[in-house]
Amino acid sequence: MKIKLYSTHTCPYCLMEKAWLEGNKIAHEVVYVDNDQKAAIEMVQRTGQMGVPVTEVAREGKEPEFVVGFDKGRLAKILGI
């Protein structure tokens, strides 16, 4: 399973989610869309969302699942925490 957190450097919810993932020892990649226009465009195209955080959960052989906003309950369920 691969976790990708689309974030900006100034988003407080992104920082909270990053801390939550780290606190639960969930390996993840942070993509700062305020520095990476290509990643920002990809995020919008794939999710229809312009706001962050957006979390992509990719499992082998399945379509990625996206969580918009810092939704601890949904993330915990998806990640099996």
C-alpha atoms as a PDB file:
ATOM      1  CA  MET A   1       0.000   0.000   0.000  1.00  0.00           C
ATOM      2  CA  LYS A   2       1.308   3.449  -0.901  1.00  0.00           C
ATOM      3  CA  ILE A   3       0.059   6.640   0.730  1.00  0.00           C
ATOM      4  CA  LYS A   4       0.491  10.015  -0.959  1.00  0.00           C
ATOM      5  CA  LEU A   5      -0.513  13.184   0.891  1.00  0.00           C
ATOM      6  CA  TYR A   6      -1.116  16.182  -1.364  1.00  0.00           C
ATOM      7  CA  SER A   7      -0.360  19.219   0.768  1.00  0.00           C
ATOM      8  CA  THR A   8       0.843  22.808   0.881  1.00  0.00           C
ATOM      9  CA  HIS A   9       3.422  24.266   3.228  1.00  0.00           C
ATOM     10  CA  THR A  10       0.845  26.516   4.926  1.00  0.00           C
ATOM     11  CA  CYS A  11      -2.135  24.149   5.336  1.00  0.00           C
ATOM     12  CA  PRO A  12      -2.771  23.462   9.057  1.00  0.00           C
ATOM     13  CA  TYR A  13      -4.941  20.394   8.331  1.00  0.00           C
ATOM     14  CA  CYS A  14      -2.175  18.961   6.169  1.00  0.00           C
ATOM     15  CA  LEU A  15       0.281  19.376   9.039  1.00  0.00           C
ATOM     16  CA  MET A  16      -2.156  17.674  11.427  1.00  0.00           C
ATOM     17  CA  GLU A  17      -2.653  14.763   9.036  1.00  0.00           C
ATOM     18  CA  LYS A  18       1.096  14.403   8.465  1.00  0.00           C
ATOM     19  CA  ALA A  19       1.636  14.271  12.247  1.00  0.00           C
ATOM     20  CA  TRP A  20      -1.202  11.742  12.600  1.00  0.00           C
ATOM     21  CA  LEU A  21       0.276   9.491   9.890  1.00  0.00           C
ATOM     22  CA  GLU A  22       3.716   9.703  11.505  1.00  0.00           C
ATOM     23  CA  GLY A  23       2.264   9.067  14.966  1.00  0.00           C
ATOM     24  CA  ASN A  24       0.609   5.916  13.631  1.00  0.00           C
ATOM     25  CA  LYS A  25       3.838   4.898  11.862  1.00  0.00           C
ATOM     26  CA  ILE A  26       2.212   5.013   8.419  1.00  0.00           C
ATOM     27  CA  ALA A  27       4.795   5.384   5.658  1.00  0.00           C
ATOM     28  CA  HIS A  28       3.736   8.114   3.276  1.00  0.00           C
ATOM     29  CA  GLU A  29       4.954  10.538   0.638  1.00  0.00           C
ATOM     30  CA  VAL A  30       4.134  14.242   0.929  1.00  0.00           C
ATOM     31  CA  VAL A  31       3.636  16.125  -2.332  1.00  0.00           C
ATOM     32  CA  TYR A  32       3.640  19.902  -1.925  1.00  0.00           C
ATOM     33  CA  VAL A  33       1.329  21.158  -4.654  1.00  0.00           C
ATOM     34  CA  ASP A  34       2.309  24.769  -3.936  1.00  0.00           C
ATOM     35  CA  ASN A  35       5.796  23.886  -5.249  1.00  0.00           C
ATOM     36  CA  ASP A  36       4.824  21.357  -7.912  1.00  0.00           C
ATOM     37  CA  GLN A  37       2.369  22.636 -10.505  1.00  0.00           C
ATOM     38  CA  LYS A  38       2.353  19.315 -12.372  1.00  0.00           C
ATOM     39  CA  ALA A  39       1.317  17.466  -9.199  1.00  0.00           C
ATOM     40  CA  ALA A  40      -1.350  20.108  -8.483  1.00  0.00           C
ATOM     41  CA  ILE A  41      -2.851  19.653 -11.944  1.00  0.00           C
ATOM     42  CA  GLU A  42      -2.744  15.862 -11.565  1.00  0.00           C
ATOM     43  CA  MET A  43      -4.506  16.070  -8.185  1.00  0.00           C
ATOM     44  CA  VAL A  44      -7.296  18.246  -9.596  1.00  0.00           C
ATOM     45  CA  GLN A  45      -7.716  16.035 -12.671  1.00  0.00           C
ATOM     46  CA  ARG A  46      -7.876  12.835 -10.632  1.00  0.00           C
ATOM     47  CA  THR A  47     -10.096  14.099  -7.793  1.00  0.00           C
ATOM     48  CA  GLY A  48     -11.860  17.252  -8.965  1.00  0.00           C
ATOM     49  CA  GLN A  49     -10.584  18.924  -5.778  1.00  0.00           C
ATOM     50  CA  MET A  50      -8.538  22.099  -5.584  1.00  0.00           C
ATOM     51  CA  GLY A  51      -8.166  22.139  -1.802  1.00  0.00           C
ATOM     52  CA  VAL A  52      -5.803  20.150   0.375  1.00  0.00           C
ATOM     53  CA  PRO A  53      -5.216  17.827   2.082  1.00  0.00           C
ATOM     54  CA  VAL A  54      -6.026  15.077  -0.378  1.00  0.00           C
ATOM     55  CA  THR A  55      -4.758  11.617   0.476  1.00  0.00           C
ATOM     56  CA  GLU A  56      -4.273   8.952  -2.161  1.00  0.00           C
ATOM     57  CA  VAL A  57      -4.258   5.347  -0.963  1.00  0.00           C
ATOM     58  CA  ALA A  58      -2.984   2.998  -3.670  1.00  0.00           C
ATOM     59  CA  ARG A  59      -3.189  -0.760  -3.326  1.00  0.00           C
ATOM     60  CA  GLU A  60      -1.697  -3.184  -5.802  1.00  0.00           C
ATOM     61  CA  GLY A  61      -4.237  -4.314  -8.373  1.00  0.00           C
ATOM     62  CA  LYS A  62      -6.899  -1.788  -7.298  1.00  0.00           C
ATOM     63  CA  GLU A  63      -7.883   1.721  -8.282  1.00  0.00           C
ATOM     64  CA  PRO A  64      -6.501   4.340  -5.876  1.00  0.00           C
ATOM     65  CA  GLU A  65      -8.848   5.624  -3.200  1.00  0.00           C
ATOM     66  CA  PHE A  66      -8.880   9.343  -2.364  1.00  0.00           C
ATOM     67  CA  VAL A  67      -9.738  10.992   0.945  1.00  0.00           C
ATOM     68  CA  VAL A  68     -10.494  14.711   0.752  1.00  0.00           C
ATOM     69  CA  GLY A  69      -9.740  16.668   3.906  1.00  0.00           C
ATOM     70  CA  PHE A  70      -8.272  15.304   7.118  1.00  0.00           C
ATOM     71  CA  ASP A  71     -10.903  12.651   7.844  1.00  0.00           C
ATOM     72  CA  LYS A  72      -9.316  10.581  10.633  1.00  0.00           C
ATOM     73  CA  GLY A  73     -12.194   8.116  10.810  1.00  0.00           C
ATOM     74  CA  ARG A  74     -12.171   7.324   7.118  1.00  0.00           C
ATOM     75  CA  LEU A  75      -8.371   7.160   6.976  1.00  0.00           C
ATOM     76  CA  ALA A  76      -8.248   4.829   9.992  1.00  0.00           C
ATOM     77  CA  LYS A  77     -10.809   2.528   8.365  1.00  0.00           C
ATOM     78  CA  ILE A  78      -8.993   2.473   5.010  1.00  0.00           C
ATOM     79  CA  LEU A  79      -5.598   1.957   6.657  1.00  0.00           C
ATOM     80  CA  GLY A  80      -6.854  -0.642   9.122  1.00  0.00           C
ATOM     81  CA  ILE A  81      -5.862   1.272  12.240  1.00  0.00           C
END
